[in-house]
Amino acid sequence: MSQVGKKTTPAALIAIGIMFIVIGLNSGRLLIVAGVGFLIAGIILHRTSQSSGDGPDE
């Protein structure tokens, strides 16, 4: 089953970020940095998907 063309959900990015951080706590700093990056991407994607144009950002 191909994932081409499907949107990545913010929950998936946040889950991957948490997983990388937990693994990175035992392995190394690079996985923690990658996990934080995924968390930030998930939060940004969540915030942009929730804004419908009538929020405080507009």
PDB file of N, CA and C in Angstrom:
ATOM      1  N   MET A   1       0.842  -1.182   0.000  1.00  0.00           N
ATOM      2  CA  MET A   1       0.000   0.000   0.000  1.00  0.00           C
ATOM      3  C   MET A   1       0.883   1.239   0.000  1.00  0.00           C
ATOM      4  N   SER A   2       0.664   2.089  -0.965  1.00  0.00           N
ATOM      5  CA  SER A   2       1.500   3.272  -1.124  1.00  0.00           C
ATOM      6  C   SER A   2       0.903   4.462  -0.394  1.00  0.00           C
ATOM      7  N   GLN A   3       1.779   5.262   0.207  1.00  0.00           N
ATOM      8  CA  GLN A   3       1.356   6.458   0.922  1.00  0.00           C
ATOM      9  C   GLN A   3       1.511   7.709   0.063  1.00  0.00           C
ATOM     10  N   VAL A   4       1.767   7.554  -1.214  1.00  0.00           N
ATOM     11  CA  VAL A   4       2.017   8.696  -2.083  1.00  0.00           C
ATOM     12  C   VAL A   4       0.734   9.508  -2.234  1.00  0.00           C
ATOM     13  N   GLY A   5       0.840  10.817  -2.003  1.00  0.00           N
ATOM     14  CA  GLY A   5      -0.303  11.694  -2.171  1.00  0.00           C
ATOM     15  C   GLY A   5      -1.182  11.835  -0.948  1.00  0.00           C
ATOM     16  N   LYS A   6      -0.916  11.089   0.100  1.00  0.00           N
ATOM     17  CA  LYS A   6      -1.720  11.189   1.314  1.00  0.00           C
ATOM     18  C   LYS A   6      -1.088  12.191   2.266  1.00  0.00           C
ATOM     19  N   LYS A   7      -1.938  12.906   3.001  1.00  0.00           N
ATOM     20  CA  LYS A   7      -1.437  13.900   3.945  1.00  0.00           C
ATOM     21  C   LYS A   7      -0.975  13.214   5.226  1.00  0.00           C
ATOM     22  N   THR A   8       0.094  13.755   5.795  1.00  0.00           N
ATOM     23  CA  THR A   8       0.570  13.277   7.082  1.00  0.00           C
ATOM     24  C   THR A   8      -0.185  14.017   8.171  1.00  0.00           C
ATOM     25  N   THR A   9      -0.722  13.281   9.108  1.00  0.00           N
ATOM     26  CA  THR A   9      -1.480  13.922  10.174  1.00  0.00           C
ATOM     27  C   THR A   9      -0.536  14.471  11.230  1.00  0.00           C
ATOM     28  N   PRO A  10      -0.938  15.555  11.899  1.00  0.00           N
ATOM     29  CA  PRO A  10      -0.103  16.096  12.973  1.00  0.00           C
ATOM     30  C   PRO A  10       0.137  15.083  14.089  1.00  0.00           C
ATOM     31  N   ALA A  11      -0.854  14.239  14.367  1.00  0.00           N
ATOM     32  CA  ALA A  11      -0.698  13.246  15.429  1.00  0.00           C
ATOM     33  C   ALA A  11       0.413  12.258  15.097  1.00  0.00           C
ATOM     34  N   ALA A  12       0.559  11.915  13.821  1.00  0.00           N
ATOM     35  CA  ALA A  12       1.622  10.992  13.424  1.00  0.00           C
ATOM     36  C   ALA A  12       2.991  11.627  13.618  1.00  0.00           C
ATOM     37  N   LEU A  13       3.123  12.908  13.254  1.00  0.00           N
ATOM     38  CA  LEU A  13       4.403  13.588  13.437  1.00  0.00           C
ATOM     39  C   LEU A  13       4.758  13.717  14.914  1.00  0.00           C
ATOM     40  N   ILE A  14       3.756  14.019  15.737  1.00  0.00           N
ATOM     41  CA  ILE A  14       4.003  14.151  17.174  1.00  0.00           C
ATOM     42  C   ILE A  14       4.387  12.806  17.769  1.00  0.00           C
ATOM     43  N   ALA A  15       3.725  11.735  17.334  1.00  0.00           N
ATOM     44  CA  ALA A  15       4.060  10.403  17.840  1.00  0.00           C
ATOM     45  C   ALA A  15       5.477   9.997  17.438  1.00  0.00           C
ATOM     46  N   ILE A  16       5.863  10.297  16.210  1.00  0.00           N
ATOM     47  CA  ILE A  16       7.228   9.989  15.766  1.00  0.00           C
ATOM     48  C   ILE A  16       8.235  10.799  16.568  1.00  0.00           C
ATOM     49  N   GLY A  17       7.911  12.062  16.818  1.00  0.00           N
ATOM     50  CA  GLY A  17       8.806  12.909  17.604  1.00  0.00           C
ATOM     51  C   GLY A  17       9.010  12.390  19.007  1.00  0.00           C
ATOM     52  N   ILE A  18       7.922  11.974  19.654  1.00  0.00           N
ATOM     53  CA  ILE A  18       8.036  11.421  21.007  1.00  0.00           C
ATOM     54  C   ILE A  18       8.850  10.137  20.985  1.00  0.00           C
ATOM     55  N   MET A  19       8.622   9.299  19.975  1.00  0.00           N
ATOM     56  CA  MET A  19       9.369   8.049  19.869  1.00  0.00           C
ATOM     57  C   MET A  19      10.864   8.320  19.705  1.00  0.00           C
ATOM     58  N   PHE A  20      11.219   9.272  18.843  1.00  0.00           N
ATOM     59  CA  PHE A  20      12.632   9.604  18.652  1.00  0.00           C
ATOM     60  C   PHE A  20      13.252  10.149  19.928  1.00  0.00           C
ATOM     61  N   ILE A  21      12.513  10.971  20.665  1.00  0.00           N
ATOM     62  CA  ILE A  21      13.055  11.527  21.905  1.00  0.00           C
ATOM     63  C   ILE A  21      13.302  10.421  22.922  1.00  0.00           C
ATOM     64  N   VAL A  22      12.355   9.499  23.063  1.00  0.00           N
ATOM     65  CA  VAL A  22      12.521   8.404  24.028  1.00  0.00           C
ATOM     66  C   VAL A  22      13.704   7.525  23.644  1.00  0.00           C
ATOM     67  N   ILE A  23      13.827   7.194  22.361  1.00  0.00           N
ATOM     68  CA  ILE A  23      14.968   6.391  21.922  1.00  0.00           C
ATOM     69  C   ILE A  23      16.261   7.176  22.094  1.00  0.00           C
ATOM     70  N   GLY A  24      16.211   8.473  21.818  1.00  0.00           N
ATOM     71  CA  GLY A  24      17.396   9.311  21.931  1.00  0.00           C
ATOM     72  C   GLY A  24      17.896   9.470  23.349  1.00  0.00           C
ATOM     73  N   LEU A  25      17.015   9.324  24.327  1.00  0.00           N
ATOM     74  CA  LEU A  25      17.446   9.410  25.720  1.00  0.00           C
ATOM     75  C   LEU A  25      18.432   8.301  26.057  1.00  0.00           C
ATOM     76  N   ASN A  26      18.312   7.171  25.365  1.00  0.00           N
ATOM     77  CA  ASN A  26      19.226   6.061  25.597  1.00  0.00           C
ATOM     78  C   ASN A  26      20.359   6.010  24.577  1.00  0.00           C
ATOM     79  N   SER A  27      20.182   6.654  23.429  1.00  0.00           N
ATOM     80  CA  SER A  27      21.150   6.493  22.343  1.00  0.00           C
ATOM     81  C   SER A  27      22.059   7.697  22.161  1.00  0.00           C
ATOM     82  N   GLY A  28      21.472   8.808  21.838  1.00  0.00           N
ATOM     83  CA  GLY A  28      22.319   9.955  21.558  1.00  0.00           C
ATOM     84  C   GLY A  28      21.536  11.213  21.297  1.00  0.00           C
ATOM     85  N   ARG A  29      22.290  12.279  21.183  1.00  0.00           N
ATOM     86  CA  ARG A  29      21.694  13.604  21.049  1.00  0.00           C
ATOM     87  C   ARG A  29      21.020  13.804  19.695  1.00  0.00           C
ATOM     88  N   LEU A  30      21.524  13.152  18.655  1.00  0.00           N
ATOM     89  CA  LEU A  30      20.976  13.377  17.316  1.00  0.00           C
ATOM     90  C   LEU A  30      19.512  12.945  17.219  1.00  0.00           C
ATOM     91  N   LEU A  31      19.160  11.833  17.845  1.00  0.00           N
ATOM     92  CA  LEU A  31      17.766  11.394  17.812  1.00  0.00           C
ATOM     93  C   LEU A  31      16.868  12.331  18.596  1.00  0.00           C
ATOM     94  N   ILE A  32      17.380  12.913  19.669  1.00  0.00           N
ATOM     95  CA  ILE A  32      16.588  13.877  20.436  1.00  0.00           C
ATOM     96  C   ILE A  32      16.316  15.111  19.583  1.00  0.00           C
ATOM     97  N   VAL A  33      17.336  15.571  18.870  1.00  0.00           N
ATOM     98  CA  VAL A  33      17.165  16.737  17.991  1.00  0.00           C
ATOM     99  C   VAL A  33      16.152  16.428  16.893  1.00  0.00           C
ATOM    100  N   ALA A  34      16.239  15.237  16.318  1.00  0.00           N
ATOM    101  CA  ALA A  34      15.279  14.848  15.285  1.00  0.00           C
ATOM    102  C   ALA A  34      13.869  14.767  15.865  1.00  0.00           C
ATOM    103  N   GLY A  35      13.747  14.235  17.074  1.00  0.00           N
ATOM    104  CA  GLY A  35      12.438  14.149  17.721  1.00  0.00           C
ATOM    105  C   GLY A  35      11.831  15.507  17.979  1.00  0.00           C
ATOM    106  N   VAL A  36      12.651  16.448  18.432  1.00  0.00           N
ATOM    107  CA  VAL A  36      12.155  17.809  18.657  1.00  0.00           C
ATOM    108  C   VAL A  36      11.715  18.430  17.332  1.00  0.00           C
ATOM    109  N   GLY A  37      12.450  18.149  16.277  1.00  0.00           N
ATOM    110  CA  GLY A  37      12.058  18.649  14.959  1.00  0.00           C
ATOM    111  C   GLY A  37      10.706  18.110  14.519  1.00  0.00           C
ATOM    112  N   PHE A  38      10.482  16.820  14.732  1.00  0.00           N
ATOM    113  CA  PHE A  38       9.189  16.238  14.386  1.00  0.00           C
ATOM    114  C   PHE A  38       8.073  16.816  15.248  1.00  0.00           C
ATOM    115  N   LEU A  39       8.346  17.040  16.544  1.00  0.00           N
ATOM    116  CA  LEU A  39       7.339  17.642  17.412  1.00  0.00           C
ATOM    117  C   LEU A  39       6.969  19.041  16.938  1.00  0.00           C
ATOM    118  N   ILE A  40       7.965  19.832  16.605  1.00  0.00           N
ATOM    119  CA  ILE A  40       7.697  21.192  16.135  1.00  0.00           C
ATOM    120  C   ILE A  40       6.902  21.158  14.830  1.00  0.00           C
ATOM    121  N   ALA A  41       7.278  20.262  13.923  1.00  0.00           N
ATOM    122  CA  ALA A  41       6.547  20.148  12.657  1.00  0.00           C
ATOM    123  C   ALA A  41       5.098  19.727  12.896  1.00  0.00           C
ATOM    124  N   GLY A  42       4.887  18.798  13.821  1.00  0.00           N
ATOM    125  CA  GLY A  42       3.529  18.357  14.130  1.00  0.00           C
ATOM    126  C   GLY A  42       2.688  19.458  14.739  1.00  0.00           C
ATOM    127  N   ILE A  43       3.298  20.245  15.624  1.00  0.00           N
ATOM    128  CA  ILE A  43       2.563  21.339  16.263  1.00  0.00           C
ATOM    129  C   ILE A  43       2.224  22.419  15.240  1.00  0.00           C
ATOM    130  N   ILE A  44       3.180  22.752  14.379  1.00  0.00           N
ATOM    131  CA  ILE A  44       2.918  23.762  13.351  1.00  0.00           C
ATOM    132  C   ILE A  44       1.827  23.281  12.396  1.00  0.00           C
ATOM    133  N   LEU A  45       1.905  22.020  11.990  1.00  0.00           N
ATOM    134  CA  LEU A  45       0.894  21.476  11.086  1.00  0.00           C
ATOM    135  C   LEU A  45      -0.477  21.464  11.751  1.00  0.00           C
ATOM    136  N   HIS A  46      -0.509  21.155  13.037  1.00  0.00           N
ATOM    137  CA  HIS A  46      -1.777  21.148  13.769  1.00  0.00           C
ATOM    138  C   HIS A  46      -2.360  22.555  13.855  1.00  0.00           C
ATOM    139  N   ARG A  47      -1.515  23.532  14.150  1.00  0.00           N
ATOM    140  CA  ARG A  47      -1.994  24.913  14.277  1.00  0.00           C
ATOM    141  C   ARG A  47      -2.481  25.464  12.942  1.00  0.00           C
ATOM    142  N   THR A  48      -1.788  25.142  11.859  1.00  0.00           N
ATOM    143  CA  THR A  48      -2.215  25.655  10.560  1.00  0.00           C
ATOM    144  C   THR A  48      -3.467  24.941  10.063  1.00  0.00           C
ATOM    145  N   SER A  49      -3.655  23.685  10.443  1.00  0.00           N
ATOM    146  CA  SER A  49      -4.858  22.980  10.016  1.00  0.00           C
ATOM    147  C   SER A  49      -6.068  23.411  10.831  1.00  0.00           C
ATOM    148  N   GLN A  50      -5.853  23.919  12.037  1.00  0.00           N
ATOM    149  CA  GLN A  50      -6.958  24.361  12.881  1.00  0.00           C
ATOM    150  C   GLN A  50      -7.406  25.779  12.551  1.00  0.00           C
ATOM    151  N   SER A  51      -6.519  26.595  12.008  1.00  0.00           N
ATOM    152  CA  SER A  51      -6.886  27.982  11.726  1.00  0.00           C
ATOM    153  C   SER A  51      -7.726  28.036  10.457  1.00  0.00           C
ATOM    154  N   SER A  52      -8.880  28.657  10.577  1.00  0.00           N
ATOM    155  CA  SER A  52      -9.779  28.744   9.432  1.00  0.00           C
ATOM    156  C   SER A  52      -9.859  30.162   8.886  1.00  0.00           C
ATOM    157  N   GLY A  53      -8.945  31.028   9.314  1.00  0.00           N
ATOM    158  CA  GLY A  53      -8.938  32.380   8.801  1.00  0.00           C
ATOM    159  C   GLY A  53      -9.592  33.388   9.719  1.00  0.00           C
ATOM    160  N   ASP A  54     -10.256  32.918  10.779  1.00  0.00           N
ATOM    161  CA  ASP A  54     -10.915  33.848  11.685  1.00  0.00           C
ATOM    162  C   ASP A  54     -10.249  33.877  13.057  1.00  0.00           C
ATOM    163  N   GLY A  55      -9.056  33.360  13.148  1.00  0.00           N
ATOM    164  CA  GLY A  55      -8.333  33.326  14.415  1.00  0.00           C
ATOM    165  C   GLY A  55      -7.577  34.608  14.675  1.00  0.00           C
ATOM    166  N   PRO A  56      -6.810  34.639  15.759  1.00  0.00           N
ATOM    167  CA  PRO A  56      -6.057  35.847  16.105  1.00  0.00           C
ATOM    168  C   PRO A  56      -4.893  36.125  15.164  1.00  0.00           C
ATOM    169  N   ASP A  57      -4.497  35.136  14.346  1.00  0.00           N
ATOM    170  CA  ASP A  57      -3.384  35.333  13.423  1.00  0.00           C
ATOM    171  C   ASP A  57      -3.767  36.205  12.237  1.00  0.00           C
ATOM    172  N   GLU A  58      -5.033  36.294  11.942  1.00  0.00           N
ATOM    173  CA  GLU A  58      -5.495  37.048  10.764  1.00  0.00           C
ATOM    174  C   GLU A  58      -5.803  38.471  11.133  1.00  0.00           C
TER     175      GLU A  58
END
